[in-house]
Amino acid sequence: MFDPGSFRVFERLAERYDSWYDRPENVPLFESELACVQRMLRGFPRPWIEVGVGSGRFAEGLEIDLGIDPALAPLRLARRRGVEVIRARAESLPLGGSSVGAVVMVVTMCFLDDPKRALREASRVLKPGGGLVLGLVLRESPWGRFYLSKKEEGHPFYRAARFFSSDELIRLVRESGLKPVGWSSTISRPPGDGPYVFEEPTPGLDLEKGFHCLAAVKPPGESSEGRDGPDSGLSPR
């Protein structure tokens, strides 16, 4: 049984959300974000799943093996792109434990009903040595501040969103039993400062940029309740 409350907007406005990526001014932004996710995903074993697959834009480019989303309208768009999909929630994945090599969430964390539970589920289904890749807009970045203003204005997509800081994200990932191993950053121009061009991602956390990816691994031989020590290279520049 699906309560449509948390994702009703994506059921109603799936085509509108998806069409954003087709606007010429936004294509370089999407391509930059896609490259950022690809950089962090590289090297993790298959299969790869995307939680919050939406319309399948990223799944298609990343060659994701399976997409998961609770909203039917975006899933129909993903199927048209050739993405295999299942309707399910991030907080209750219909997958066996230690069954996937990588879990990808692109701009998904901010729309989850229960981010902690979703990350625990990601940890549960990951094979030891597998990885989680989170792509998102951080609260303290220029784009994060821009979207927070949109949220306050009642924007249909952002009014229900929750934006995380880099410290909050690392804490949540560690609490799920995963070990953060690195960041990647892209989109140096702030909102409204186009025209935008494709940007190769840079390693590390650069909070002056607008889109960030955090990669974490499930330590071999450790349960999802494990805790991690300090990591190098995880602080903002």
C-alpha atoms as a PDB file:
ATOM      1  CA  MET A   1       0.000   0.000   0.000  1.00  0.00           C
ATOM      2  CA  PHE A   2       1.455   3.351  -1.038  1.00  0.00           C
ATOM      3  CA  ASP A   3       0.653   6.595   0.723  1.00  0.00           C
ATOM      4  CA  PRO A   4       0.996   9.137  -2.094  1.00  0.00           C
ATOM      5  CA  GLY A   5       1.586  12.083   0.238  1.00  0.00           C
ATOM      6  CA  SER A   6       5.359  12.322  -0.004  1.00  0.00           C
ATOM      7  CA  PHE A   7       5.618  11.857  -3.753  1.00  0.00           C
ATOM      8  CA  ARG A   8       2.277  13.160  -5.045  1.00  0.00           C
ATOM      9  CA  VAL A   9       3.980  16.070  -6.793  1.00  0.00           C
ATOM     10  CA  PHE A  10       6.041  13.678  -8.922  1.00  0.00           C
ATOM     11  CA  GLU A  11       2.918  11.764  -9.908  1.00  0.00           C
ATOM     12  CA  ARG A  12       1.195  14.983 -11.006  1.00  0.00           C
ATOM     13  CA  LEU A  13       4.137  16.794 -12.573  1.00  0.00           C
ATOM     14  CA  ALA A  14       6.383  14.019 -13.894  1.00  0.00           C
ATOM     15  CA  GLU A  15       6.481  15.413 -17.435  1.00  0.00           C
ATOM     16  CA  ARG A  16       7.235  18.918 -16.177  1.00  0.00           C
ATOM     17  CA  TYR A  17      10.068  17.678 -13.963  1.00  0.00           C
ATOM     18  CA  ASP A  18      11.549  15.574 -16.740  1.00  0.00           C
ATOM     19  CA  SER A  19      11.336  18.351 -19.333  1.00  0.00           C
ATOM     20  CA  TRP A  20      13.746  20.496 -17.286  1.00  0.00           C
ATOM     21  CA  TYR A  21      16.582  18.344 -18.599  1.00  0.00           C
ATOM     22  CA  ASP A  22      15.649  19.052 -22.229  1.00  0.00           C
ATOM     23  CA  ARG A  23      16.048  22.813 -22.013  1.00  0.00           C
ATOM     24  CA  PRO A  24      19.268  23.804 -23.827  1.00  0.00           C
ATOM     25  CA  GLU A  25      20.478  25.937 -20.912  1.00  0.00           C
ATOM     26  CA  ASN A  26      20.169  22.972 -18.528  1.00  0.00           C
ATOM     27  CA  VAL A  27      21.828  20.269 -20.646  1.00  0.00           C
ATOM     28  CA  PRO A  28      25.380  21.215 -19.496  1.00  0.00           C
ATOM     29  CA  LEU A  29      24.208  21.093 -15.868  1.00  0.00           C
ATOM     30  CA  PHE A  30      22.822  17.587 -16.294  1.00  0.00           C
ATOM     31  CA  GLU A  31      25.934  16.397 -18.129  1.00  0.00           C
ATOM     32  CA  SER A  32      28.163  17.822 -15.387  1.00  0.00           C
ATOM     33  CA  GLU A  33      26.111  16.125 -12.671  1.00  0.00           C
ATOM     34  CA  LEU A  34      26.112  12.834 -14.578  1.00  0.00           C
ATOM     35  CA  ALA A  35      29.906  12.930 -14.904  1.00  0.00           C
ATOM     36  CA  CYS A  36      30.231  13.639 -11.180  1.00  0.00           C
ATOM     37  CA  VAL A  37      28.163  10.563 -10.296  1.00  0.00           C
ATOM     38  CA  GLN A  38      30.018   8.413 -12.849  1.00  0.00           C
ATOM     39  CA  ARG A  39      33.341   9.367 -11.322  1.00  0.00           C
ATOM     40  CA  MET A  40      32.323   8.142  -7.875  1.00  0.00           C
ATOM     41  CA  LEU A  41      30.508   5.026  -9.113  1.00  0.00           C
ATOM     42  CA  ARG A  42      33.412   3.754 -11.175  1.00  0.00           C
ATOM     43  CA  GLY A  43      34.998   0.579  -9.807  1.00  0.00           C
ATOM     44  CA  PHE A  44      32.087  -0.690  -7.731  1.00  0.00           C
ATOM     45  CA  PRO A  45      30.861  -4.193  -8.654  1.00  0.00           C
ATOM     46  CA  ARG A  46      27.592  -4.942 -10.419  1.00  0.00           C
ATOM     47  CA  PRO A  47      24.664  -4.983 -10.165  1.00  0.00           C
ATOM     48  CA  TRP A  48      23.980  -1.269  -9.720  1.00  0.00           C
ATOM     49  CA  ILE A  49      20.589   0.003  -8.531  1.00  0.00           C
ATOM     50  CA  GLU A  50      19.294   3.550  -8.449  1.00  0.00           C
ATOM     51  CA  VAL A  51      16.943   4.388  -5.606  1.00  0.00           C
ATOM     52  CA  GLY A  52      14.716   7.299  -6.553  1.00  0.00           C
ATOM     53  CA  VAL A  53      15.218   6.581 -10.240  1.00  0.00           C
ATOM     54  CA  GLY A  54      12.476   8.996 -11.288  1.00  0.00           C
ATOM     55  CA  SER A  55      12.223   9.355 -15.052  1.00  0.00           C
ATOM     56  CA  GLY A  56      15.451   7.435 -15.651  1.00  0.00           C
ATOM     57  CA  ARG A  57      17.647  10.267 -16.952  1.00  0.00           C
ATOM     58  CA  PHE A  58      20.611   9.326 -14.768  1.00  0.00           C
ATOM     59  CA  ALA A  59      19.887   5.590 -14.885  1.00  0.00           C
ATOM     60  CA  GLU A  60      20.092   5.619 -18.668  1.00  0.00           C
ATOM     61  CA  GLY A  61      23.412   7.471 -18.680  1.00  0.00           C
ATOM     62  CA  LEU A  62      24.886   5.369 -15.879  1.00  0.00           C
ATOM     63  CA  GLU A  63      23.669   2.061 -17.338  1.00  0.00           C
ATOM     64  CA  ILE A  64      21.896   1.220 -14.095  1.00  0.00           C
ATOM     65  CA  ASP A  65      20.730  -2.399 -13.790  1.00  0.00           C
ATOM     66  CA  LEU A  66      17.550  -1.649 -11.811  1.00  0.00           C
ATOM     67  CA  GLY A  67      15.667   1.500 -10.872  1.00  0.00           C
ATOM     68  CA  ILE A  68      13.401   1.852  -7.848  1.00  0.00           C
ATOM     69  CA  ASP A  69      10.854   4.602  -7.176  1.00  0.00           C
ATOM     70  CA  PRO A  70       7.453   4.881  -5.451  1.00  0.00           C
ATOM     71  CA  ALA A  71       5.913   7.173  -8.084  1.00  0.00           C
ATOM     72  CA  LEU A  72       4.336   5.455 -11.102  1.00  0.00           C
ATOM     73  CA  ALA A  73       4.296   8.366 -13.566  1.00  0.00           C
ATOM     74  CA  PRO A  74       8.105   8.840 -13.546  1.00  0.00           C
ATOM     75  CA  LEU A  75       8.607   5.068 -13.726  1.00  0.00           C
ATOM     76  CA  ARG A  76       6.670   4.987 -16.988  1.00  0.00           C
ATOM     77  CA  LEU A  77       9.120   7.545 -18.410  1.00  0.00           C
ATOM     78  CA  ALA A  78      12.053   5.482 -17.158  1.00  0.00           C
ATOM     79  CA  ARG A  79      10.703   2.371 -18.891  1.00  0.00           C
ATOM     80  CA  ARG A  80      10.548   4.322 -22.171  1.00  0.00           C
ATOM     81  CA  ARG A  81      14.276   4.929 -21.751  1.00  0.00           C
ATOM     82  CA  GLY A  82      14.878   1.204 -21.450  1.00  0.00           C
ATOM     83  CA  VAL A  83      15.438   1.166 -17.693  1.00  0.00           C
ATOM     84  CA  GLU A  84      14.225  -1.888 -15.771  1.00  0.00           C
ATOM     85  CA  VAL A  85      12.213  -0.598 -12.825  1.00  0.00           C
ATOM     86  CA  ILE A  86      10.348  -1.701  -9.711  1.00  0.00           C
ATOM     87  CA  ARG A  87       7.855   0.350  -7.734  1.00  0.00           C
ATOM     88  CA  ALA A  88       9.030   0.448  -4.126  1.00  0.00           C
ATOM     89  CA  ARG A  89      10.155   2.798  -1.386  1.00  0.00           C
ATOM     90  CA  ALA A  90      13.750   3.544  -0.436  1.00  0.00           C
ATOM     91  CA  GLU A  91      12.860   2.672   3.160  1.00  0.00           C
ATOM     92  CA  SER A  92      11.778  -0.870   2.221  1.00  0.00           C
ATOM     93  CA  LEU A  93      13.743  -2.227  -0.721  1.00  0.00           C
ATOM     94  CA  PRO A  94      12.460  -5.491  -2.265  1.00  0.00           C
ATOM     95  CA  LEU A  95      15.981  -6.926  -2.455  1.00  0.00           C
ATOM     96  CA  GLY A  96      17.918  -9.521  -0.527  1.00  0.00           C
ATOM     97  CA  GLY A  97      20.701  -8.666   1.870  1.00  0.00           C
ATOM     98  CA  SER A  98      24.198  -8.283   0.405  1.00  0.00           C
ATOM     99  CA  SER A  99      22.780  -8.627  -3.117  1.00  0.00           C
ATOM    100  CA  VAL A 100      23.947  -5.513  -5.003  1.00  0.00           C
ATOM    101  CA  GLY A 101      27.297  -3.937  -5.763  1.00  0.00           C
ATOM    102  CA  ALA A 102      26.270  -0.283  -5.714  1.00  0.00           C
ATOM    103  CA  VAL A 103      23.327   1.843  -4.632  1.00  0.00           C
ATOM    104  CA  VAL A 104      22.955   5.231  -6.314  1.00  0.00           C
ATOM    105  CA  MET A 105      20.735   8.055  -5.075  1.00  0.00           C
ATOM    106  CA  VAL A 106      20.738  11.233  -7.166  1.00  0.00           C
ATOM    107  CA  VAL A 107      18.810  14.145  -5.642  1.00  0.00           C
ATOM    108  CA  THR A 108      16.840  11.576  -3.658  1.00  0.00           C
ATOM    109  CA  MET A 109      17.862  12.158  -0.042  1.00  0.00           C
ATOM    110  CA  CYS A 110      16.062  15.501   0.159  1.00  0.00           C
ATOM    111  CA  PHE A 111      12.711  13.911  -0.771  1.00  0.00           C
ATOM    112  CA  LEU A 112      12.817  10.830   1.485  1.00  0.00           C
ATOM    113  CA  ASP A 113      10.297  10.354   4.281  1.00  0.00           C
ATOM    114  CA  ASP A 114      12.888   8.611   6.471  1.00  0.00           C
ATOM    115  CA  PRO A 115      16.493   9.184   5.299  1.00  0.00           C
ATOM    116  CA  LYS A 116      17.999   7.183   8.173  1.00  0.00           C
ATOM    117  CA  ARG A 117      15.948   4.115   7.380  1.00  0.00           C
ATOM    118  CA  ALA A 118      16.662   4.474   3.664  1.00  0.00           C
ATOM    119  CA  LEU A 119      20.404   4.530   4.274  1.00  0.00           C
ATOM    120  CA  ARG A 120      20.145   1.484   6.541  1.00  0.00           C
ATOM    121  CA  GLU A 121      18.304  -0.291   3.722  1.00  0.00           C
ATOM    122  CA  ALA A 122      21.053   0.670   1.296  1.00  0.00           C
ATOM    123  CA  SER A 123      23.615  -0.745   3.706  1.00  0.00           C
ATOM    124  CA  ARG A 124      21.592  -3.940   4.110  1.00  0.00           C
ATOM    125  CA  VAL A 125      21.366  -4.707   0.391  1.00  0.00           C
ATOM    126  CA  LEU A 126      24.985  -3.833  -0.401  1.00  0.00           C
ATOM    127  CA  LYS A 127      27.574  -6.574  -0.727  1.00  0.00           C
ATOM    128  CA  PRO A 128      30.604  -6.172   1.544  1.00  0.00           C
ATOM    129  CA  GLY A 129      32.966  -3.978  -0.441  1.00  0.00           C
ATOM    130  CA  GLY A 130      30.047  -2.506  -2.397  1.00  0.00           C
ATOM    131  CA  GLY A 131      29.356   1.190  -2.465  1.00  0.00           C
ATOM    132  CA  LEU A 132      26.776   3.900  -1.977  1.00  0.00           C
ATOM    133  CA  VAL A 133      26.945   7.016  -4.177  1.00  0.00           C
ATOM    134  CA  LEU A 134      24.877  10.032  -3.171  1.00  0.00           C
ATOM    135  CA  GLY A 135      24.499  12.925  -5.616  1.00  0.00           C
ATOM    136  CA  LEU A 136      22.858  16.027  -4.212  1.00  0.00           C
ATOM    137  CA  VAL A 137      22.773  19.767  -3.641  1.00  0.00           C
ATOM    138  CA  LEU A 138      24.211  20.576  -0.219  1.00  0.00           C
ATOM    139  CA  ARG A 139      22.497  23.130   1.987  1.00  0.00           C
ATOM    140  CA  GLU A 140      25.581  25.322   2.440  1.00  0.00           C
ATOM    141  CA  SER A 141      26.367  25.566  -1.301  1.00  0.00           C
ATOM    142  CA  PRO A 142      25.226  28.471  -3.534  1.00  0.00           C
ATOM    143  CA  TRP A 143      22.698  26.208  -5.262  1.00  0.00           C
ATOM    144  CA  GLY A 144      21.518  24.903  -1.889  1.00  0.00           C
ATOM    145  CA  ARG A 145      20.777  28.434  -0.721  1.00  0.00           C
ATOM    146  CA  PHE A 146      18.986  29.113  -4.006  1.00  0.00           C
ATOM    147  CA  TYR A 147      16.739  26.054  -3.653  1.00  0.00           C
ATOM    148  CA  LEU A 148      16.055  26.885  -0.004  1.00  0.00           C
ATOM    149  CA  SER A 149      14.688  30.230  -1.167  1.00  0.00           C
ATOM    150  CA  LYS A 150      12.522  28.372  -3.696  1.00  0.00           C
ATOM    151  CA  LYS A 151      11.279  26.158  -0.862  1.00  0.00           C
ATOM    152  CA  GLU A 152      10.303  29.204   1.192  1.00  0.00           C
ATOM    153  CA  GLU A 153       8.429  30.581  -1.826  1.00  0.00           C
ATOM    154  CA  GLY A 154       6.365  27.383  -2.012  1.00  0.00           C
ATOM    155  CA  HIS A 155       7.862  25.942  -5.192  1.00  0.00           C
ATOM    156  CA  PRO A 156       5.936  22.711  -5.995  1.00  0.00           C
ATOM    157  CA  PHE A 157       9.044  20.505  -6.069  1.00  0.00           C
ATOM    158  CA  TYR A 158      11.110  22.071  -3.280  1.00  0.00           C
ATOM    159  CA  ARG A 159       8.547  23.000  -0.650  1.00  0.00           C
ATOM    160  CA  ALA A 160       8.640  19.440   0.730  1.00  0.00           C
ATOM    161  CA  ALA A 161      12.401  19.018   0.279  1.00  0.00           C
ATOM    162  CA  ARG A 162      14.939  18.815   3.075  1.00  0.00           C
ATOM    163  CA  PHE A 163      18.479  19.914   2.271  1.00  0.00           C
ATOM    164  CA  PHE A 164      21.406  18.410   4.161  1.00  0.00           C
ATOM    165  CA  SER A 165      24.758  19.869   5.111  1.00  0.00           C
ATOM    166  CA  SER A 166      27.939  17.927   4.334  1.00  0.00           C
ATOM    167  CA  ASP A 167      28.461  17.156   8.035  1.00  0.00           C
ATOM    168  CA  GLU A 168      24.895  15.873   8.441  1.00  0.00           C
ATOM    169  CA  LEU A 169      25.278  13.651   5.405  1.00  0.00           C
ATOM    170  CA  ILE A 170      28.533  12.081   6.602  1.00  0.00           C
ATOM    171  CA  ARG A 171      27.017  11.450  10.026  1.00  0.00           C
ATOM    172  CA  LEU A 172      23.945   9.746   8.559  1.00  0.00           C
ATOM    173  CA  VAL A 173      26.068   7.580   6.272  1.00  0.00           C
ATOM    174  CA  ARG A 174      28.324   6.488   9.124  1.00  0.00           C
ATOM    175  CA  GLU A 175      25.337   5.703  11.332  1.00  0.00           C
ATOM    176  CA  SER A 176      24.084   3.345   8.637  1.00  0.00           C
ATOM    177  CA  GLY A 177      27.286   1.303   8.924  1.00  0.00           C
ATOM    178  CA  LEU A 178      28.931   2.606   5.753  1.00  0.00           C
ATOM    179  CA  LYS A 179      32.338   4.255   5.508  1.00  0.00           C
ATOM    180  CA  PRO A 180      32.613   7.546   3.587  1.00  0.00           C
ATOM    181  CA  VAL A 181      35.596   7.414   1.243  1.00  0.00           C
ATOM    182  CA  GLY A 182      35.486  10.622  -0.778  1.00  0.00           C
ATOM    183  CA  TRP A 183      33.732  13.523  -2.438  1.00  0.00           C
ATOM    184  CA  SER A 184      33.483  14.931  -5.941  1.00  0.00           C
ATOM    185  CA  SER A 185      32.221  18.402  -6.894  1.00  0.00           C
ATOM    186  CA  THR A 186      31.024  20.218 -10.016  1.00  0.00           C
ATOM    187  CA  ILE A 187      29.114  23.296 -11.332  1.00  0.00           C
ATOM    188  CA  SER A 188      31.182  26.315 -10.399  1.00  0.00           C
ATOM    189  CA  ARG A 189      28.774  28.960 -11.695  1.00  0.00           C
ATOM    190  CA  PRO A 190      26.059  30.046  -9.228  1.00  0.00           C
ATOM    191  CA  PRO A 191      22.346  30.086 -10.068  1.00  0.00           C
ATOM    192  CA  GLY A 192      21.442  32.657 -12.694  1.00  0.00           C
ATOM    193  CA  ASP A 193      25.050  33.100 -13.839  1.00  0.00           C
ATOM    194  CA  GLY A 194      24.739  31.245 -17.154  1.00  0.00           C
ATOM    195  CA  PRO A 195      25.301  30.322 -19.836  1.00  0.00           C
ATOM    196  CA  TYR A 196      26.481  27.093 -18.274  1.00  0.00           C
ATOM    197  CA  VAL A 197      29.068  24.793 -19.807  1.00  0.00           C
ATOM    198  CA  PHE A 198      29.993  21.197 -19.117  1.00  0.00           C
ATOM    199  CA  GLU A 199      32.444  20.878 -16.215  1.00  0.00           C
ATOM    200  CA  GLU A 200      34.581  17.871 -15.398  1.00  0.00           C
ATOM    201  CA  PRO A 201      34.133  16.949 -11.727  1.00  0.00           C
ATOM    202  CA  THR A 202      36.946  17.756  -9.355  1.00  0.00           C
ATOM    203  CA  PRO A 203      37.972  15.492  -6.456  1.00  0.00           C
ATOM    204  CA  GLY A 204      37.136  16.642  -2.951  1.00  0.00           C
ATOM    205  CA  LEU A 205      34.402  18.701  -1.337  1.00  0.00           C
ATOM    206  CA  ASP A 206      34.284  22.229  -2.754  1.00  0.00           C
ATOM    207  CA  LEU A 207      31.370  24.057  -1.171  1.00  0.00           C
ATOM    208  CA  GLU A 208      31.644  26.907  -3.659  1.00  0.00           C
ATOM    209  CA  LYS A 209      30.355  24.487  -6.291  1.00  0.00           C
ATOM    210  CA  GLY A 210      26.728  23.528  -6.743  1.00  0.00           C
ATOM    211  CA  PHE A 211      26.550  19.729  -7.040  1.00  0.00           C
ATOM    212  CA  HIS A 212      28.343  17.149  -4.930  1.00  0.00           C
ATOM    213  CA  CYS A 213      28.729  13.377  -4.761  1.00  0.00           C
ATOM    214  CA  LEU A 214      29.676  11.391  -1.683  1.00  0.00           C
ATOM    215  CA  ALA A 215      30.872   7.795  -2.030  1.00  0.00           C
ATOM    216  CA  ALA A 216      30.827   5.315   0.849  1.00  0.00           C
ATOM    217  CA  VAL A 217      31.646   1.616   1.098  1.00  0.00           C
ATOM    218  CA  LYS A 218      30.301  -1.268   3.118  1.00  0.00           C
ATOM    219  CA  PRO A 219      33.358  -2.584   4.945  1.00  0.00           C
ATOM    220  CA  PRO A 220      34.117  -6.268   4.279  1.00  0.00           C
ATOM    221  CA  GLY A 221      33.192  -8.453   7.227  1.00  0.00           C
ATOM    222  CA  GLU A 222      31.300  -5.703   9.084  1.00  0.00           C
ATOM    223  CA  SER A 223      27.596  -5.592   9.853  1.00  0.00           C
ATOM    224  CA  SER A 224      25.420  -2.644   8.903  1.00  0.00           C
ATOM    225  CA  GLU A 225      25.554  -1.532  12.523  1.00  0.00           C
ATOM    226  CA  GLY A 226      29.324  -1.027  12.368  1.00  0.00           C
ATOM    227  CA  ARG A 227      30.869   2.353  13.145  1.00  0.00           C
ATOM    228  CA  ASP A 228      33.718   4.078  11.356  1.00  0.00           C
ATOM    229  CA  GLY A 229      36.740   6.063  12.389  1.00  0.00           C
ATOM    230  CA  PRO A 230      37.874   9.363  10.858  1.00  0.00           C
ATOM    231  CA  ASP A 231      38.388   9.526   7.097  1.00  0.00           C
ATOM    232  CA  SER A 232      40.944  11.571   5.204  1.00  0.00           C
ATOM    233  CA  GLY A 233      39.937  14.034   2.526  1.00  0.00           C
ATOM    234  CA  LEU A 234      36.347  14.474   3.694  1.00  0.00           C
ATOM    235  CA  SER A 235      36.541  18.060   4.924  1.00  0.00           C
ATOM    236  CA  PRO A 236      35.521  21.096   2.884  1.00  0.00           C
ATOM    237  CA  ARG A 237      38.301  22.920   1.119  1.00  0.00           C
END
